[in-house]
Amino acid sequence: MPRSERSPLLLAGLLAAAGAAHFASPRQFDAIVPRALPGPPRTWTYVSGAAELALAAGVALPRTRRRAALATAAFFVGVFPANVKMAADWRHRPAPQKAVAVGRLPLQLPLVLWARAVARNAEDAR
């Protein structure tokens, strides 16, 4: 399978794994929900997990891939504040944990660009 055909499926797999993790271990996600959001953090954890699962399905299917990949790029931008909160909250933790939290911040850009590339390639395949 060519790389361009694997890329959407890998992105869908990443989204599905992350979405499932929100339900399997919600407490770790609850902790990074920005306090400014209304309602309990667990609600946001489940909503974001469900969104990731829905985006995974959309990206996996060629018929919905372009729109789902664009929505995925927007989603990655939208969850960035949670990553910032995690980095701030973990600034006094041991170095390995702090490195993970800070390392997530620059990873958002490649994720956004990856989702956009999947959308662009889906348009080209039409």
N, C-alpha and C. Protein backbone atom coordinates (compact mmCIF):
# COMPACT_ATOMS: atom_id res chain seq x y z
N MET A 1 0.85 -1.18 0.00
CA MET A 1 0.00 0.00 0.00
C MET A 1 0.90 1.24 0.00
N PRO A 2 0.69 2.14 -0.94
CA PRO A 2 1.50 3.37 -0.99
C PRO A 2 1.29 4.22 0.26
N ARG A 3 2.31 5.00 0.57
CA ARG A 3 2.28 5.85 1.76
C ARG A 3 1.06 6.77 1.79
N SER A 4 0.69 7.32 0.64
CA SER A 4 -0.45 8.24 0.60
C SER A 4 -1.76 7.53 0.93
N GLU A 5 -1.83 6.22 0.71
CA GLU A 5 -3.03 5.46 1.06
C GLU A 5 -3.02 5.02 2.52
N ARG A 6 -1.82 4.85 3.08
CA ARG A 6 -1.69 4.46 4.49
C ARG A 6 -1.93 5.64 5.43
N SER A 7 -1.56 6.82 4.99
CA SER A 7 -1.60 7.99 5.86
C SER A 7 -2.97 8.22 6.49
N PRO A 8 -4.06 8.20 5.73
CA PRO A 8 -5.37 8.41 6.36
C PRO A 8 -5.70 7.32 7.37
N LEU A 9 -5.31 6.09 7.07
CA LEU A 9 -5.61 4.99 7.98
C LEU A 9 -4.79 5.10 9.26
N LEU A 10 -3.55 5.55 9.14
CA LEU A 10 -2.73 5.77 10.34
C LEU A 10 -3.31 6.90 11.19
N LEU A 11 -3.74 7.97 10.54
CA LEU A 11 -4.36 9.08 11.26
C LEU A 11 -5.65 8.60 11.94
N ALA A 12 -6.45 7.82 11.23
CA ALA A 12 -7.67 7.28 11.82
C ALA A 12 -7.34 6.39 13.02
N GLY A 13 -6.29 5.59 12.91
CA GLY A 13 -5.87 4.73 14.02
C GLY A 13 -5.43 5.53 15.23
N LEU A 14 -4.69 6.60 14.99
CA LEU A 14 -4.26 7.47 16.09
C LEU A 14 -5.47 8.08 16.79
N LEU A 15 -6.41 8.59 16.00
CA LEU A 15 -7.62 9.18 16.56
C LEU A 15 -8.44 8.15 17.34
N ALA A 16 -8.57 6.96 16.79
CA ALA A 16 -9.35 5.91 17.45
C ALA A 16 -8.70 5.50 18.77
N ALA A 17 -7.38 5.35 18.77
CA ALA A 17 -6.68 4.98 20.01
C ALA A 17 -6.82 6.07 21.06
N ALA A 18 -6.66 7.32 20.65
CA ALA A 18 -6.79 8.43 21.59
C ALA A 18 -8.23 8.53 22.10
N GLY A 19 -9.19 8.37 21.22
CA GLY A 19 -10.59 8.42 21.63
C GLY A 19 -10.94 7.32 22.62
N ALA A 20 -10.48 6.11 22.34
CA ALA A 20 -10.73 4.99 23.25
C ALA A 20 -10.07 5.23 24.60
N ALA A 21 -8.88 5.82 24.60
CA ALA A 21 -8.17 6.10 25.86
C ALA A 21 -8.97 7.05 26.75
N HIS A 22 -9.73 7.95 26.15
CA HIS A 22 -10.55 8.88 26.94
C HIS A 22 -11.59 8.13 27.77
N PHE A 23 -12.05 6.99 27.27
CA PHE A 23 -13.04 6.20 27.99
C PHE A 23 -12.39 5.16 28.90
N ALA A 24 -11.23 4.65 28.50
CA ALA A 24 -10.54 3.64 29.30
C ALA A 24 -9.85 4.24 30.52
N SER A 25 -9.30 5.44 30.39
CA SER A 25 -8.59 6.11 31.49
C SER A 25 -9.00 7.57 31.56
N PRO A 26 -10.25 7.84 31.88
CA PRO A 26 -10.71 9.23 31.81
C PRO A 26 -10.04 10.18 32.80
N ARG A 27 -9.60 9.69 33.93
CA ARG A 27 -9.06 10.57 34.97
C ARG A 27 -7.87 11.39 34.46
N GLN A 28 -6.99 10.77 33.68
CA GLN A 28 -5.82 11.50 33.18
C GLN A 28 -6.23 12.63 32.24
N PHE A 29 -7.34 12.47 31.54
CA PHE A 29 -7.82 13.52 30.64
C PHE A 29 -8.60 14.58 31.40
N ASP A 30 -9.33 14.15 32.42
CA ASP A 30 -10.06 15.11 33.26
C ASP A 30 -9.10 16.18 33.79
N ALA A 31 -7.91 15.75 34.15
CA ALA A 31 -6.93 16.65 34.79
C ALA A 31 -6.45 17.76 33.87
N ILE A 32 -6.57 17.58 32.56
CA ILE A 32 -6.05 18.61 31.65
C ILE A 32 -7.15 19.44 30.99
N VAL A 33 -8.39 19.21 31.40
CA VAL A 33 -9.49 20.03 30.88
C VAL A 33 -9.34 21.43 31.45
N PRO A 34 -9.25 22.45 30.60
CA PRO A 34 -9.12 23.82 31.11
C PRO A 34 -10.28 24.19 32.03
N ARG A 35 -9.97 24.84 33.13
CA ARG A 35 -10.98 25.20 34.13
C ARG A 35 -12.01 26.18 33.57
N ALA A 36 -11.66 26.91 32.54
CA ALA A 36 -12.57 27.91 31.98
C ALA A 36 -13.78 27.26 31.29
N LEU A 37 -13.70 25.98 30.97
CA LEU A 37 -14.82 25.31 30.30
C LEU A 37 -15.92 25.03 31.32
N PRO A 38 -17.18 25.27 30.94
CA PRO A 38 -18.28 25.03 31.88
C PRO A 38 -18.54 23.54 32.07
N GLY A 39 -19.06 23.20 33.21
CA GLY A 39 -19.43 21.82 33.47
C GLY A 39 -18.28 20.99 34.00
N PRO A 40 -18.59 19.74 34.33
CA PRO A 40 -17.56 18.87 34.90
C PRO A 40 -16.52 18.44 33.84
N PRO A 41 -15.26 18.32 34.25
CA PRO A 41 -14.22 17.88 33.31
C PRO A 41 -14.53 16.53 32.65
N ARG A 42 -15.16 15.62 33.39
CA ARG A 42 -15.45 14.29 32.83
C ARG A 42 -16.34 14.39 31.59
N THR A 43 -17.26 15.33 31.60
CA THR A 43 -18.11 15.52 30.42
C THR A 43 -17.25 15.89 29.22
N TRP A 44 -16.31 16.80 29.40
CA TRP A 44 -15.42 17.21 28.30
C TRP A 44 -14.52 16.07 27.87
N THR A 45 -14.09 15.26 28.83
CA THR A 45 -13.27 14.09 28.50
C THR A 45 -14.04 13.16 27.58
N TYR A 46 -15.28 12.87 27.94
CA TYR A 46 -16.07 11.95 27.13
C TYR A 46 -16.45 12.57 25.78
N VAL A 47 -16.78 13.86 25.78
CA VAL A 47 -17.13 14.52 24.52
C VAL A 47 -15.94 14.51 23.56
N SER A 48 -14.76 14.84 24.08
CA SER A 48 -13.59 14.86 23.19
C SER A 48 -13.22 13.45 22.74
N GLY A 49 -13.39 12.46 23.61
CA GLY A 49 -13.14 11.07 23.20
C GLY A 49 -14.10 10.62 22.12
N ALA A 50 -15.37 10.95 22.29
CA ALA A 50 -16.37 10.60 21.27
C ALA A 50 -16.07 11.32 19.95
N ALA A 51 -15.65 12.57 20.05
CA ALA A 51 -15.30 13.32 18.84
C ALA A 51 -14.13 12.65 18.12
N GLU A 52 -13.14 12.22 18.86
CA GLU A 52 -11.99 11.55 18.23
C GLU A 52 -12.42 10.25 17.56
N LEU A 53 -13.31 9.50 18.19
CA LEU A 53 -13.79 8.26 17.57
C LEU A 53 -14.59 8.56 16.30
N ALA A 54 -15.41 9.58 16.33
CA ALA A 54 -16.18 9.96 15.14
C ALA A 54 -15.25 10.45 14.03
N LEU A 55 -14.26 11.25 14.40
CA LEU A 55 -13.29 11.72 13.39
C LEU A 55 -12.51 10.55 12.80
N ALA A 56 -12.16 9.58 13.64
CA ALA A 56 -11.44 8.40 13.15
C ALA A 56 -12.26 7.68 12.09
N ALA A 57 -13.54 7.49 12.36
CA ALA A 57 -14.42 6.82 11.39
C ALA A 57 -14.51 7.63 10.11
N GLY A 58 -14.66 8.94 10.25
CA GLY A 58 -14.77 9.81 9.06
C GLY A 58 -13.51 9.82 8.22
N VAL A 59 -12.36 9.84 8.86
CA VAL A 59 -11.09 9.84 8.13
C VAL A 59 -10.85 8.49 7.46
N ALA A 60 -11.29 7.42 8.10
CA ALA A 60 -11.08 6.07 7.55
C ALA A 60 -11.89 5.82 6.28
N LEU A 61 -13.02 6.48 6.16
CA LEU A 61 -13.90 6.25 5.02
C LEU A 61 -13.61 7.24 3.89
N PRO A 62 -13.28 6.76 2.71
CA PRO A 62 -12.94 7.67 1.60
C PRO A 62 -14.04 8.70 1.31
N ARG A 63 -15.28 8.31 1.46
CA ARG A 63 -16.40 9.20 1.12
C ARG A 63 -16.45 10.45 2.02
N THR A 64 -16.03 10.30 3.27
CA THR A 64 -16.09 11.41 4.24
C THR A 64 -14.70 11.92 4.62
N ARG A 65 -13.68 11.38 4.03
CA ARG A 65 -12.31 11.65 4.45
C ARG A 65 -11.94 13.12 4.41
N ARG A 66 -12.24 13.80 3.34
CA ARG A 66 -11.80 15.20 3.21
C ARG A 66 -12.39 16.06 4.32
N ARG A 67 -13.69 15.99 4.50
CA ARG A 67 -14.32 16.82 5.54
C ARG A 67 -13.90 16.41 6.94
N ALA A 68 -13.77 15.11 7.16
CA ALA A 68 -13.36 14.64 8.48
C ALA A 68 -11.91 15.03 8.78
N ALA A 69 -11.06 15.00 7.77
CA ALA A 69 -9.66 15.39 7.99
C ALA A 69 -9.55 16.89 8.29
N LEU A 70 -10.35 17.70 7.61
CA LEU A 70 -10.37 19.13 7.93
C LEU A 70 -10.89 19.37 9.34
N ALA A 71 -11.92 18.62 9.72
CA ALA A 71 -12.45 18.73 11.09
C ALA A 71 -11.40 18.26 12.10
N THR A 72 -10.62 17.26 11.73
CA THR A 72 -9.56 16.76 12.60
C THR A 72 -8.50 17.84 12.81
N ALA A 73 -8.13 18.54 11.75
CA ALA A 73 -7.16 19.63 11.89
C ALA A 73 -7.69 20.68 12.87
N ALA A 74 -8.96 21.03 12.73
CA ALA A 74 -9.57 22.00 13.64
C ALA A 74 -9.62 21.45 15.07
N PHE A 75 -9.90 20.18 15.21
CA PHE A 75 -9.94 19.55 16.52
C PHE A 75 -8.57 19.64 17.19
N PHE A 76 -7.52 19.34 16.43
CA PHE A 76 -6.16 19.41 16.99
C PHE A 76 -5.83 20.83 17.47
N VAL A 77 -6.30 21.82 16.75
CA VAL A 77 -6.11 23.21 17.19
C VAL A 77 -6.93 23.46 18.46
N GLY A 78 -8.15 22.95 18.47
CA GLY A 78 -9.04 23.18 19.60
C GLY A 78 -8.60 22.55 20.91
N VAL A 79 -7.89 21.44 20.85
CA VAL A 79 -7.45 20.79 22.09
C VAL A 79 -6.09 21.30 22.56
N PHE A 80 -5.49 22.20 21.81
CA PHE A 80 -4.18 22.73 22.19
C PHE A 80 -4.19 23.35 23.59
N PRO A 81 -5.23 24.10 23.99
CA PRO A 81 -5.24 24.65 25.35
C PRO A 81 -5.12 23.58 26.44
N ALA A 82 -5.64 22.40 26.21
CA ALA A 82 -5.49 21.32 27.20
C ALA A 82 -4.02 20.92 27.32
N ASN A 83 -3.32 20.90 26.19
CA ASN A 83 -1.90 20.56 26.24
C ASN A 83 -1.10 21.65 26.95
N VAL A 84 -1.48 22.90 26.75
CA VAL A 84 -0.82 24.01 27.45
C VAL A 84 -1.07 23.87 28.95
N LYS A 85 -2.30 23.56 29.32
CA LYS A 85 -2.63 23.38 30.74
C LYS A 85 -1.80 22.25 31.34
N MET A 86 -1.68 21.16 30.61
CA MET A 86 -0.89 20.03 31.10
C MET A 86 0.56 20.44 31.32
N ALA A 87 1.14 21.15 30.36
CA ALA A 87 2.53 21.59 30.49
C ALA A 87 2.70 22.52 31.70
N ALA A 88 1.74 23.41 31.90
CA ALA A 88 1.81 24.32 33.06
C ALA A 88 1.66 23.54 34.37
N ASP A 89 0.70 22.64 34.41
CA ASP A 89 0.46 21.87 35.63
C ASP A 89 1.62 20.93 35.97
N TRP A 90 2.32 20.46 34.97
CA TRP A 90 3.39 19.48 35.18
C TRP A 90 4.77 20.12 35.27
N ARG A 91 4.86 21.42 35.34
CA ARG A 91 6.17 22.08 35.32
C ARG A 91 7.03 21.73 36.53
N HIS A 92 6.44 21.26 37.62
CA HIS A 92 7.21 20.91 38.82
C HIS A 92 7.36 19.40 39.00
N ARG A 93 6.91 18.65 38.05
CA ARG A 93 7.03 17.19 38.12
C ARG A 93 8.45 16.77 37.75
N PRO A 94 8.76 15.48 37.95
CA PRO A 94 10.09 14.98 37.55
C PRO A 94 10.35 15.23 36.06
N ALA A 95 11.62 15.36 35.72
CA ALA A 95 12.03 15.73 34.36
C ALA A 95 11.37 14.89 33.26
N PRO A 96 11.29 13.56 33.39
CA PRO A 96 10.67 12.79 32.30
C PRO A 96 9.20 13.17 32.05
N GLN A 97 8.44 13.37 33.13
CA GLN A 97 7.04 13.77 32.98
C GLN A 97 6.93 15.17 32.41
N LYS A 98 7.77 16.06 32.90
CA LYS A 98 7.76 17.43 32.39
C LYS A 98 8.11 17.43 30.90
N ALA A 99 9.06 16.59 30.49
CA ALA A 99 9.46 16.51 29.07
C ALA A 99 8.29 16.03 28.21
N VAL A 100 7.53 15.07 28.72
CA VAL A 100 6.36 14.58 27.96
C VAL A 100 5.35 15.71 27.78
N ALA A 101 5.07 16.41 28.87
CA ALA A 101 4.05 17.48 28.82
C ALA A 101 4.48 18.61 27.90
N VAL A 102 5.72 19.02 27.99
CA VAL A 102 6.22 20.11 27.14
C VAL A 102 6.38 19.62 25.70
N GLY A 103 6.78 18.37 25.53
CA GLY A 103 6.98 17.81 24.20
C GLY A 103 5.71 17.69 23.39
N ARG A 104 4.58 17.61 24.07
CA ARG A 104 3.30 17.54 23.36
C ARG A 104 2.98 18.84 22.63
N LEU A 105 3.46 19.96 23.15
CA LEU A 105 3.10 21.26 22.58
C LEU A 105 3.51 21.39 21.11
N PRO A 106 4.79 21.18 20.77
CA PRO A 106 5.15 21.33 19.36
C PRO A 106 4.62 20.21 18.47
N LEU A 107 4.15 19.12 19.06
CA LEU A 107 3.60 18.03 18.24
C LEU A 107 2.25 18.38 17.62
N GLN A 108 1.57 19.37 18.18
CA GLN A 108 0.27 19.73 17.62
C GLN A 108 0.39 20.22 16.18
N LEU A 109 1.43 20.99 15.89
CA LEU A 109 1.58 21.51 14.52
C LEU A 109 1.71 20.39 13.49
N PRO A 110 2.60 19.41 13.68
CA PRO A 110 2.64 18.32 12.69
C PRO A 110 1.33 17.55 12.59
N LEU A 111 0.60 17.43 13.69
CA LEU A 111 -0.69 16.75 13.63
C LEU A 111 -1.68 17.54 12.77
N VAL A 112 -1.71 18.85 12.96
CA VAL A 112 -2.60 19.71 12.15
C VAL A 112 -2.21 19.60 10.67
N LEU A 113 -0.92 19.67 10.40
CA LEU A 113 -0.45 19.60 9.01
C LEU A 113 -0.73 18.23 8.40
N TRP A 114 -0.60 17.18 9.18
CA TRP A 114 -0.91 15.82 8.71
C TRP A 114 -2.38 15.72 8.33
N ALA A 115 -3.26 16.20 9.19
CA ALA A 115 -4.69 16.15 8.89
C ALA A 115 -5.02 16.96 7.64
N ARG A 116 -4.39 18.10 7.50
CA ARG A 116 -4.62 18.92 6.29
C ARG A 116 -4.12 18.21 5.04
N ALA A 117 -2.99 17.52 5.14
CA ALA A 117 -2.46 16.78 3.99
C ALA A 117 -3.40 15.63 3.61
N VAL A 118 -3.96 14.98 4.60
CA VAL A 118 -4.92 13.91 4.32
C VAL A 118 -6.13 14.50 3.59
N ALA A 119 -6.59 15.64 4.04
CA ALA A 119 -7.73 16.30 3.38
C ALA A 119 -7.37 16.69 1.95
N ARG A 120 -6.20 17.24 1.76
CA ARG A 120 -5.76 17.67 0.43
C ARG A 120 -5.66 16.47 -0.51
N ASN A 121 -5.09 15.38 -0.03
CA ASN A 121 -4.97 14.18 -0.86
C ASN A 121 -6.32 13.56 -1.16
N ALA A 122 -7.26 13.69 -0.24
CA ALA A 122 -8.61 13.18 -0.48
C ALA A 122 -9.28 13.99 -1.59
N GLU A 123 -9.02 15.29 -1.60
CA GLU A 123 -9.56 16.13 -2.68
C GLU A 123 -8.96 15.75 -4.02
N ASP A 124 -7.65 15.46 -4.00
CA ASP A 124 -6.97 15.08 -5.24
C ASP A 124 -7.48 13.75 -5.78
N ALA A 125 -7.96 12.88 -4.90
CA ALA A 125 -8.42 11.56 -5.33
C ALA A 125 -9.81 11.58 -5.94
N ARG A 126 -10.51 12.69 -5.85
CA ARG A 126 -11.87 12.76 -6.37
C ARG A 126 -11.95 12.62 -7.85
